[in-house]
């Protein structure tokens, strides 16, 4: 039977905390040097998506009220 106690001694009957920590530690990047251009990419996509959604809602409202 596996010992499902964490470093603090908290009992985790399913062992999910340990499995999650192993998953996170497995995929952890070795360096965290993000360039400003790389971090701006998702932000620009979000802004474009919000603008597109507003345009679509405005077009639908205009067609509905026409």
N, C-alpha and C. Protein backbone atom coordinates (compact mmCIF):
# COMPACT_ATOMS: atom_id res chain seq x y z
N UNK A 1 0.84 -1.17 0.00
CA UNK A 1 0.00 0.00 0.00
C UNK A 1 0.89 1.24 0.00
N UNK A 2 0.54 2.23 -0.81
CA UNK A 2 1.37 3.43 -0.96
C UNK A 2 1.16 4.37 0.22
N UNK A 3 2.20 5.08 0.53
CA UNK A 3 2.12 6.09 1.57
C UNK A 3 1.64 7.38 0.93
N UNK A 4 0.40 7.78 1.21
CA UNK A 4 -0.20 8.95 0.57
C UNK A 4 -0.16 10.17 1.48
N UNK A 5 0.92 10.38 2.16
CA UNK A 5 1.05 11.56 2.99
C UNK A 5 2.07 12.49 2.37
N UNK A 6 1.70 13.77 2.30
CA UNK A 6 2.59 14.77 1.72
C UNK A 6 3.67 15.16 2.70
N UNK A 7 4.49 16.11 2.32
CA UNK A 7 5.58 16.53 3.19
C UNK A 7 5.09 17.15 4.50
N UNK A 8 3.87 17.72 4.50
CA UNK A 8 3.33 18.30 5.72
C UNK A 8 2.58 17.27 6.56
N UNK A 9 2.42 16.07 6.05
CA UNK A 9 1.71 15.04 6.78
C UNK A 9 0.22 15.05 6.53
N UNK A 10 -0.26 15.83 5.57
CA UNK A 10 -1.69 15.86 5.25
C UNK A 10 -2.04 14.59 4.48
N UNK A 11 -3.07 13.90 4.92
CA UNK A 11 -3.47 12.64 4.30
C UNK A 11 -4.27 12.92 3.04
N UNK A 12 -3.87 12.32 1.94
CA UNK A 12 -4.57 12.45 0.66
C UNK A 12 -4.97 11.05 0.23
N UNK A 13 -6.22 10.64 0.47
CA UNK A 13 -6.60 9.25 0.21
C UNK A 13 -6.46 8.82 -1.24
N UNK A 14 -6.67 9.74 -2.17
CA UNK A 14 -6.56 9.38 -3.58
C UNK A 14 -5.14 9.53 -4.11
N UNK A 15 -4.31 10.25 -3.39
CA UNK A 15 -2.95 10.48 -3.86
C UNK A 15 -2.91 11.47 -5.01
N UNK A 16 -3.99 12.24 -5.21
CA UNK A 16 -4.05 13.13 -6.36
C UNK A 16 -3.07 14.29 -6.24
N UNK A 17 -2.80 14.73 -5.04
CA UNK A 17 -1.86 15.84 -4.87
C UNK A 17 -0.47 15.42 -5.34
N UNK A 18 -0.07 14.22 -4.95
CA UNK A 18 1.24 13.75 -5.36
C UNK A 18 1.31 13.54 -6.86
N UNK A 19 0.22 13.02 -7.45
CA UNK A 19 0.21 12.82 -8.90
C UNK A 19 0.27 14.16 -9.62
N UNK A 20 -0.44 15.17 -9.09
CA UNK A 20 -0.42 16.48 -9.72
C UNK A 20 0.96 17.09 -9.63
N UNK A 21 1.58 17.00 -8.47
CA UNK A 21 2.93 17.55 -8.32
C UNK A 21 3.92 16.86 -9.25
N UNK A 22 3.78 15.56 -9.41
CA UNK A 22 4.67 14.84 -10.33
C UNK A 22 4.44 15.30 -11.76
N UNK A 23 3.17 15.54 -12.13
CA UNK A 23 2.86 16.01 -13.47
C UNK A 23 3.44 17.40 -13.71
N UNK A 24 3.28 18.29 -12.74
CA UNK A 24 3.78 19.66 -12.89
C UNK A 24 5.30 19.67 -12.93
N UNK A 25 5.93 18.89 -12.05
CA UNK A 25 7.39 18.86 -12.03
C UNK A 25 7.96 18.25 -13.30
N UNK A 26 7.23 17.32 -13.90
CA UNK A 26 7.71 16.66 -15.12
C UNK A 26 7.76 17.63 -16.29
N UNK A 27 6.77 18.51 -16.39
CA UNK A 27 6.70 19.42 -17.53
C UNK A 27 7.21 20.81 -17.22
N UNK A 28 7.90 21.00 -16.11
CA UNK A 28 8.38 22.33 -15.75
C UNK A 28 9.50 22.77 -16.69
N UNK A 29 9.41 23.99 -17.18
CA UNK A 29 10.48 24.49 -18.04
C UNK A 29 11.76 24.73 -17.23
N UNK A 30 12.90 24.59 -17.88
CA UNK A 30 14.17 24.75 -17.20
C UNK A 30 14.49 26.22 -16.96
N UNK A 31 14.06 27.10 -17.85
CA UNK A 31 14.31 28.53 -17.66
C UNK A 31 13.01 29.29 -17.91
N UNK A 32 12.83 30.36 -17.19
CA UNK A 32 11.62 31.16 -17.32
C UNK A 32 11.96 32.54 -17.85
N UNK A 33 12.61 32.61 -18.99
CA UNK A 33 12.96 33.88 -19.60
C UNK A 33 12.01 34.13 -20.76
N UNK A 34 10.96 34.92 -20.48
CA UNK A 34 9.99 35.24 -21.51
C UNK A 34 10.32 36.60 -22.10
N UNK A 35 10.31 36.68 -23.40
CA UNK A 35 10.57 37.96 -24.04
C UNK A 35 9.28 38.77 -24.07
N UNK A 36 9.36 40.07 -24.06
CA UNK A 36 8.14 40.88 -24.10
C UNK A 36 7.31 40.63 -25.36
N UNK A 37 7.96 40.36 -26.48
CA UNK A 37 7.21 40.11 -27.71
C UNK A 37 6.43 38.80 -27.62
N UNK A 38 7.00 37.81 -26.94
CA UNK A 38 6.30 36.53 -26.83
C UNK A 38 5.10 36.64 -25.90
N UNK A 39 5.19 37.45 -24.86
CA UNK A 39 4.07 37.59 -23.94
C UNK A 39 2.98 38.49 -24.50
N UNK A 40 3.30 39.30 -25.50
CA UNK A 40 2.31 40.19 -26.09
C UNK A 40 1.43 39.45 -27.10
N UNK A 41 1.85 38.30 -27.59
CA UNK A 41 1.10 37.56 -28.59
C UNK A 41 -0.30 37.17 -28.15
N UNK A 42 -0.45 36.50 -27.02
CA UNK A 42 -1.80 36.13 -26.57
C UNK A 42 -2.66 37.35 -26.25
N UNK A 43 -2.05 38.42 -25.77
CA UNK A 43 -2.81 39.62 -25.44
C UNK A 43 -3.38 40.24 -26.71
N UNK A 44 -2.61 40.26 -27.78
CA UNK A 44 -3.09 40.83 -29.04
C UNK A 44 -4.22 39.96 -29.60
N UNK A 45 -4.08 38.66 -29.49
CA UNK A 45 -5.15 37.76 -29.95
C UNK A 45 -6.44 37.97 -29.17
N UNK A 46 -6.32 38.21 -27.88
CA UNK A 46 -7.50 38.45 -27.05
C UNK A 46 -8.18 39.75 -27.46
N UNK A 47 -7.39 40.79 -27.70
CA UNK A 47 -7.96 42.07 -28.11
C UNK A 47 -8.66 41.94 -29.46
N UNK A 48 -8.03 41.25 -30.40
CA UNK A 48 -8.65 41.05 -31.72
C UNK A 48 -9.94 40.25 -31.59
N UNK A 49 -9.95 39.25 -30.73
CA UNK A 49 -11.15 38.46 -30.52
C UNK A 49 -12.29 39.27 -29.92
N UNK A 50 -11.98 40.12 -28.95
CA UNK A 50 -13.02 40.96 -28.34
C UNK A 50 -13.57 41.96 -29.36
N UNK A 51 -12.69 42.56 -30.14
CA UNK A 51 -13.14 43.52 -31.16
C UNK A 51 -14.02 42.80 -32.20
N UNK A 52 -13.62 41.61 -32.61
CA UNK A 52 -14.42 40.85 -33.58
C UNK A 52 -15.79 40.50 -33.01
N UNK A 53 -15.83 40.13 -31.73
CA UNK A 53 -17.11 39.80 -31.10
C UNK A 53 -18.02 41.01 -31.04
N UNK A 54 -17.47 42.18 -30.73
CA UNK A 54 -18.28 43.40 -30.67
C UNK A 54 -18.80 43.75 -32.05
N UNK A 55 -17.97 43.59 -33.08
CA UNK A 55 -18.41 43.88 -34.45
C UNK A 55 -19.53 42.93 -34.87
N UNK A 56 -19.40 41.67 -34.52
CA UNK A 56 -20.43 40.68 -34.89
C UNK A 56 -21.74 40.97 -34.17
N UNK A 57 -21.66 41.29 -32.88
CA UNK A 57 -22.88 41.61 -32.13
C UNK A 57 -23.53 42.87 -32.69
N UNK A 58 -22.73 43.87 -33.05
CA UNK A 58 -23.28 45.10 -33.63
C UNK A 58 -23.94 44.82 -34.97
N UNK A 59 -23.32 43.97 -35.79
CA UNK A 59 -23.89 43.63 -37.09
C UNK A 59 -25.21 42.88 -36.93
N UNK A 60 -25.27 41.96 -36.00
CA UNK A 60 -26.51 41.21 -35.77
C UNK A 60 -27.60 42.14 -35.26
N UNK A 61 -27.26 43.03 -34.34
CA UNK A 61 -28.25 43.98 -33.83
C UNK A 61 -28.73 44.90 -34.94
N UNK A 62 -27.83 45.37 -35.79
CA UNK A 62 -28.21 46.25 -36.89
C UNK A 62 -29.15 45.53 -37.85
N UNK A 63 -28.82 44.27 -38.16
CA UNK A 63 -29.70 43.51 -39.07
C UNK A 63 -31.04 43.22 -38.41
N UNK A 64 -31.08 42.99 -37.10
CA UNK A 64 -32.34 42.70 -36.43
C UNK A 64 -33.24 43.94 -36.35
N UNK A 65 -32.66 45.11 -36.23
CA UNK A 65 -33.43 46.34 -36.09
C UNK A 65 -33.70 47.01 -37.43
N UNK A 66 -33.14 46.52 -38.50
CA UNK A 66 -33.29 47.11 -39.82
C UNK A 66 -34.67 46.90 -40.36
